[in-house]
């Protein structure tokens, strides 16, 4: 099963982005810092999916480099999968280029891996799995 989990949007200011989505009438929930990615984020639930607002916490972070090169905007599309480890193995065997083959733990305890845009038609694709039960 695959569902769109979220759309990641790189922003210069999480506070300014929050304000826009709140003025639009949406709720912005759960600010969180993911130290390993050097990012602060907040989620905007939209239907059965979410918009993930991403603000760099370091000039060396992927989000800071993205904004410096391309400006604010859509950073990635995230698909939720049932078995991330099996999906990663299948992709590796097919020759798909991954940003990293290591499955990481991100916001809310979700497991994730990124697929390089060269393998997806130019879109950075995040594959994620809900956190294990009891975490």
C-alpha atoms as a PDB file:
ATOM      1  CA  UNK A   1       0.000   0.000   0.000  1.00  0.00           C
ATOM      2  CA  UNK A   2       1.226   3.458  -0.880  1.00  0.00           C
ATOM      3  CA  UNK A   3      -0.335   6.722   0.288  1.00  0.00           C
ATOM      4  CA  UNK A   4       0.883  10.281   0.066  1.00  0.00           C
ATOM      5  CA  UNK A   5       2.068  10.880   3.611  1.00  0.00           C
ATOM      6  CA  UNK A   6       3.092  14.497   3.167  1.00  0.00           C
ATOM      7  CA  UNK A   7       4.564  17.174   0.931  1.00  0.00           C
ATOM      8  CA  UNK A   8       7.745  18.736   2.320  1.00  0.00           C
ATOM      9  CA  UNK A   9       7.997  22.502   1.810  1.00  0.00           C
ATOM     10  CA  UNK A  10      11.261  24.339   2.511  1.00  0.00           C
ATOM     11  CA  UNK A  11      10.677  27.708   4.175  1.00  0.00           C
ATOM     12  CA  UNK A  12      12.969  30.454   5.432  1.00  0.00           C
ATOM     13  CA  UNK A  13      10.753  31.133   8.431  1.00  0.00           C
ATOM     14  CA  UNK A  14       8.584  28.562  10.130  1.00  0.00           C
ATOM     15  CA  UNK A  15       6.744  31.362  11.954  1.00  0.00           C
ATOM     16  CA  UNK A  16       5.851  33.164   8.711  1.00  0.00           C
ATOM     17  CA  UNK A  17       4.775  29.929   7.021  1.00  0.00           C
ATOM     18  CA  UNK A  18       2.634  28.987  10.035  1.00  0.00           C
ATOM     19  CA  UNK A  19       0.912  32.352   9.875  1.00  0.00           C
ATOM     20  CA  UNK A  20      -0.007  31.903   6.205  1.00  0.00           C
ATOM     21  CA  UNK A  21      -1.526  28.438   6.690  1.00  0.00           C
ATOM     22  CA  UNK A  22      -3.393  29.588   9.815  1.00  0.00           C
ATOM     23  CA  UNK A  23      -4.813  32.576   7.877  1.00  0.00           C
ATOM     24  CA  UNK A  24      -5.896  30.072   5.237  1.00  0.00           C
ATOM     25  CA  UNK A  25      -7.913  28.378   7.983  1.00  0.00           C
ATOM     26  CA  UNK A  26      -5.738  25.311   8.525  1.00  0.00           C
ATOM     27  CA  UNK A  27      -4.279  24.128  11.822  1.00  0.00           C
ATOM     28  CA  UNK A  28      -0.526  23.891  12.198  1.00  0.00           C
ATOM     29  CA  UNK A  29       0.468  21.234  14.697  1.00  0.00           C
ATOM     30  CA  UNK A  30       3.472  19.733  16.383  1.00  0.00           C
ATOM     31  CA  UNK A  31       6.634  21.747  15.958  1.00  0.00           C
ATOM     32  CA  UNK A  32       9.614  19.460  16.292  1.00  0.00           C
ATOM     33  CA  UNK A  33      13.363  19.611  15.732  1.00  0.00           C
ATOM     34  CA  UNK A  34      15.106  16.735  13.960  1.00  0.00           C
ATOM     35  CA  UNK A  35      18.742  17.205  14.968  1.00  0.00           C
ATOM     36  CA  UNK A  36      20.123  14.668  12.485  1.00  0.00           C
ATOM     37  CA  UNK A  37      18.633  16.597   9.557  1.00  0.00           C
ATOM     38  CA  UNK A  38      19.314  20.033  11.100  1.00  0.00           C
ATOM     39  CA  UNK A  39      15.712  21.058  10.599  1.00  0.00           C
ATOM     40  CA  UNK A  40      12.763  22.374  12.582  1.00  0.00           C
ATOM     41  CA  UNK A  41       9.381  21.371  11.243  1.00  0.00           C
ATOM     42  CA  UNK A  42       5.659  21.695  11.742  1.00  0.00           C
ATOM     43  CA  UNK A  43       2.845  19.708  10.163  1.00  0.00           C
ATOM     44  CA  UNK A  44      -0.281  21.063   8.488  1.00  0.00           C
ATOM     45  CA  UNK A  45      -2.970  18.356   8.217  1.00  0.00           C
ATOM     46  CA  UNK A  46      -4.819  18.539   4.881  1.00  0.00           C
ATOM     47  CA  UNK A  47      -7.416  15.822   4.317  1.00  0.00           C
ATOM     48  CA  UNK A  48      -5.745  12.464   4.792  1.00  0.00           C
ATOM     49  CA  UNK A  49      -2.280  13.906   4.107  1.00  0.00           C
ATOM     50  CA  UNK A  50      -0.123  16.709   5.476  1.00  0.00           C
ATOM     51  CA  UNK A  51       2.132  19.559   4.444  1.00  0.00           C
ATOM     52  CA  UNK A  52       5.450  19.465   6.285  1.00  0.00           C
ATOM     53  CA  UNK A  53       6.968  22.921   6.764  1.00  0.00           C
ATOM     54  CA  UNK A  54      10.776  22.680   6.995  1.00  0.00           C
ATOM     55  CA  UNK A  55      13.065  25.403   8.377  1.00  0.00           C
ATOM     56  CA  UNK A  56      16.853  24.942   8.512  1.00  0.00           C
ATOM     57  CA  UNK A  57      18.520  25.069  11.913  1.00  0.00           C
ATOM     58  CA  UNK A  58      21.999  25.246  10.374  1.00  0.00           C
ATOM     59  CA  UNK A  59      23.417  26.854   7.216  1.00  0.00           C
ATOM     60  CA  UNK A  60      24.910  23.434   6.358  1.00  0.00           C
ATOM     61  CA  UNK A  61      21.573  21.597   6.382  1.00  0.00           C
ATOM     62  CA  UNK A  62      20.008  20.172   3.236  1.00  0.00           C
ATOM     63  CA  UNK A  63      17.095  22.605   3.628  1.00  0.00           C
ATOM     64  CA  UNK A  64      19.407  25.641   3.873  1.00  0.00           C
ATOM     65  CA  UNK A  65      21.316  24.489   0.772  1.00  0.00           C
ATOM     66  CA  UNK A  66      18.037  23.878  -1.078  1.00  0.00           C
ATOM     67  CA  UNK A  67      16.732  27.375  -0.283  1.00  0.00           C
ATOM     68  CA  UNK A  68      20.072  28.971  -1.216  1.00  0.00           C
ATOM     69  CA  UNK A  69      20.025  27.219  -4.604  1.00  0.00           C
ATOM     70  CA  UNK A  70      16.308  27.182  -5.492  1.00  0.00           C
ATOM     71  CA  UNK A  71      14.485  29.397  -2.999  1.00  0.00           C
ATOM     72  CA  UNK A  72      11.560  28.392  -0.850  1.00  0.00           C
ATOM     73  CA  UNK A  73       9.177  25.795  -2.181  1.00  0.00           C
ATOM     74  CA  UNK A  74       8.356  22.139  -2.644  1.00  0.00           C
ATOM     75  CA  UNK A  75      11.300  20.103  -1.380  1.00  0.00           C
ATOM     76  CA  UNK A  76      10.006  16.530  -1.524  1.00  0.00           C
ATOM     77  CA  UNK A  77       7.031  14.211  -1.852  1.00  0.00           C
ATOM     78  CA  UNK A  78       6.674  11.513   0.807  1.00  0.00           C
ATOM     79  CA  UNK A  79       4.961   8.182   0.250  1.00  0.00           C
ATOM     80  CA  UNK A  80       3.934   6.002   3.176  1.00  0.00           C
ATOM     81  CA  UNK A  81       4.753   2.312   2.732  1.00  0.00           C
ATOM     82  CA  UNK A  82       3.898  -0.728   4.845  1.00  0.00           C
ATOM     83  CA  UNK A  83       7.338  -2.363   4.854  1.00  0.00           C
ATOM     84  CA  UNK A  84      10.110   0.160   4.348  1.00  0.00           C
ATOM     85  CA  UNK A  85      12.966  -2.337   4.716  1.00  0.00           C
ATOM     86  CA  UNK A  86      11.538  -4.613   2.006  1.00  0.00           C
ATOM     87  CA  UNK A  87      10.863  -1.621  -0.263  1.00  0.00           C
ATOM     88  CA  UNK A  88      14.436  -0.374   0.149  1.00  0.00           C
ATOM     89  CA  UNK A  89      15.833  -3.840  -0.651  1.00  0.00           C
ATOM     90  CA  UNK A  90      13.661  -4.080  -3.767  1.00  0.00           C
ATOM     91  CA  UNK A  91      14.827  -0.649  -4.931  1.00  0.00           C
ATOM     92  CA  UNK A  92      18.493  -1.442  -4.292  1.00  0.00           C
ATOM     93  CA  UNK A  93      18.203  -4.643  -6.337  1.00  0.00           C
ATOM     94  CA  UNK A  94      16.600  -2.697  -9.179  1.00  0.00           C
ATOM     95  CA  UNK A  95      19.497  -0.220  -9.271  1.00  0.00           C
ATOM     96  CA  UNK A  96      17.510   2.704  -7.914  1.00  0.00           C
ATOM     97  CA  UNK A  97      19.743   5.466  -6.550  1.00  0.00           C
ATOM     98  CA  UNK A  98      19.064   6.245  -2.890  1.00  0.00           C
ATOM     99  CA  UNK A  99      20.358   9.296  -1.044  1.00  0.00           C
ATOM    100  CA  UNK A 100      21.338   6.864   1.713  1.00  0.00           C
ATOM    101  CA  UNK A 101      20.615   3.165   2.023  1.00  0.00           C
ATOM    102  CA  UNK A 102      20.324   3.532   5.809  1.00  0.00           C
ATOM    103  CA  UNK A 103      16.789   3.774   7.174  1.00  0.00           C
ATOM    104  CA  UNK A 104      16.645   6.700   9.584  1.00  0.00           C
ATOM    105  CA  UNK A 105      14.265   7.787  12.342  1.00  0.00           C
ATOM    106  CA  UNK A 106      12.641  11.174  11.824  1.00  0.00           C
ATOM    107  CA  UNK A 107       9.817  13.339  13.112  1.00  0.00           C
ATOM    108  CA  UNK A 108       7.291  11.519  15.255  1.00  0.00           C
ATOM    109  CA  UNK A 109       9.454   8.384  15.213  1.00  0.00           C
ATOM    110  CA  UNK A 110       8.703   7.674  11.543  1.00  0.00           C
ATOM    111  CA  UNK A 111      11.223   5.578   9.636  1.00  0.00           C
ATOM    112  CA  UNK A 112      12.375   7.064   6.334  1.00  0.00           C
ATOM    113  CA  UNK A 113      14.752   6.965   3.394  1.00  0.00           C
ATOM    114  CA  UNK A 114      15.128   9.335   0.443  1.00  0.00           C
ATOM    115  CA  UNK A 115      15.259   8.296  -3.218  1.00  0.00           C
ATOM    116  CA  UNK A 116      17.519  10.439  -5.401  1.00  0.00           C
ATOM    117  CA  UNK A 117      15.747  12.621  -7.993  1.00  0.00           C
ATOM    118  CA  UNK A 118      17.801  10.994 -10.776  1.00  0.00           C
ATOM    119  CA  UNK A 119      15.758   7.820 -10.235  1.00  0.00           C
ATOM    120  CA  UNK A 120      12.338   9.474  -9.938  1.00  0.00           C
ATOM    121  CA  UNK A 121      12.068  11.847 -12.869  1.00  0.00           C
ATOM    122  CA  UNK A 122      13.484  14.816 -10.983  1.00  0.00           C
ATOM    123  CA  UNK A 123      11.535  14.676  -7.706  1.00  0.00           C
ATOM    124  CA  UNK A 124      13.152  14.026  -4.332  1.00  0.00           C
ATOM    125  CA  UNK A 125      11.036  11.162  -2.982  1.00  0.00           C
ATOM    126  CA  UNK A 126      10.834  10.231   0.680  1.00  0.00           C
ATOM    127  CA  UNK A 127       9.606   6.762   1.561  1.00  0.00           C
ATOM    128  CA  UNK A 128       8.373   6.512   5.117  1.00  0.00           C
ATOM    129  CA  UNK A 129       6.796   4.021   7.467  1.00  0.00           C
ATOM    130  CA  UNK A 130       4.791   4.705  10.591  1.00  0.00           C
ATOM    131  CA  UNK A 131       6.763   4.246  13.806  1.00  0.00           C
ATOM    132  CA  UNK A 132       6.738   0.754  15.324  1.00  0.00           C
ATOM    133  CA  UNK A 133       3.925   0.186  17.830  1.00  0.00           C
ATOM    134  CA  UNK A 134       4.835   1.153  21.383  1.00  0.00           C
ATOM    135  CA  UNK A 135       7.393   3.772  20.349  1.00  0.00           C
END
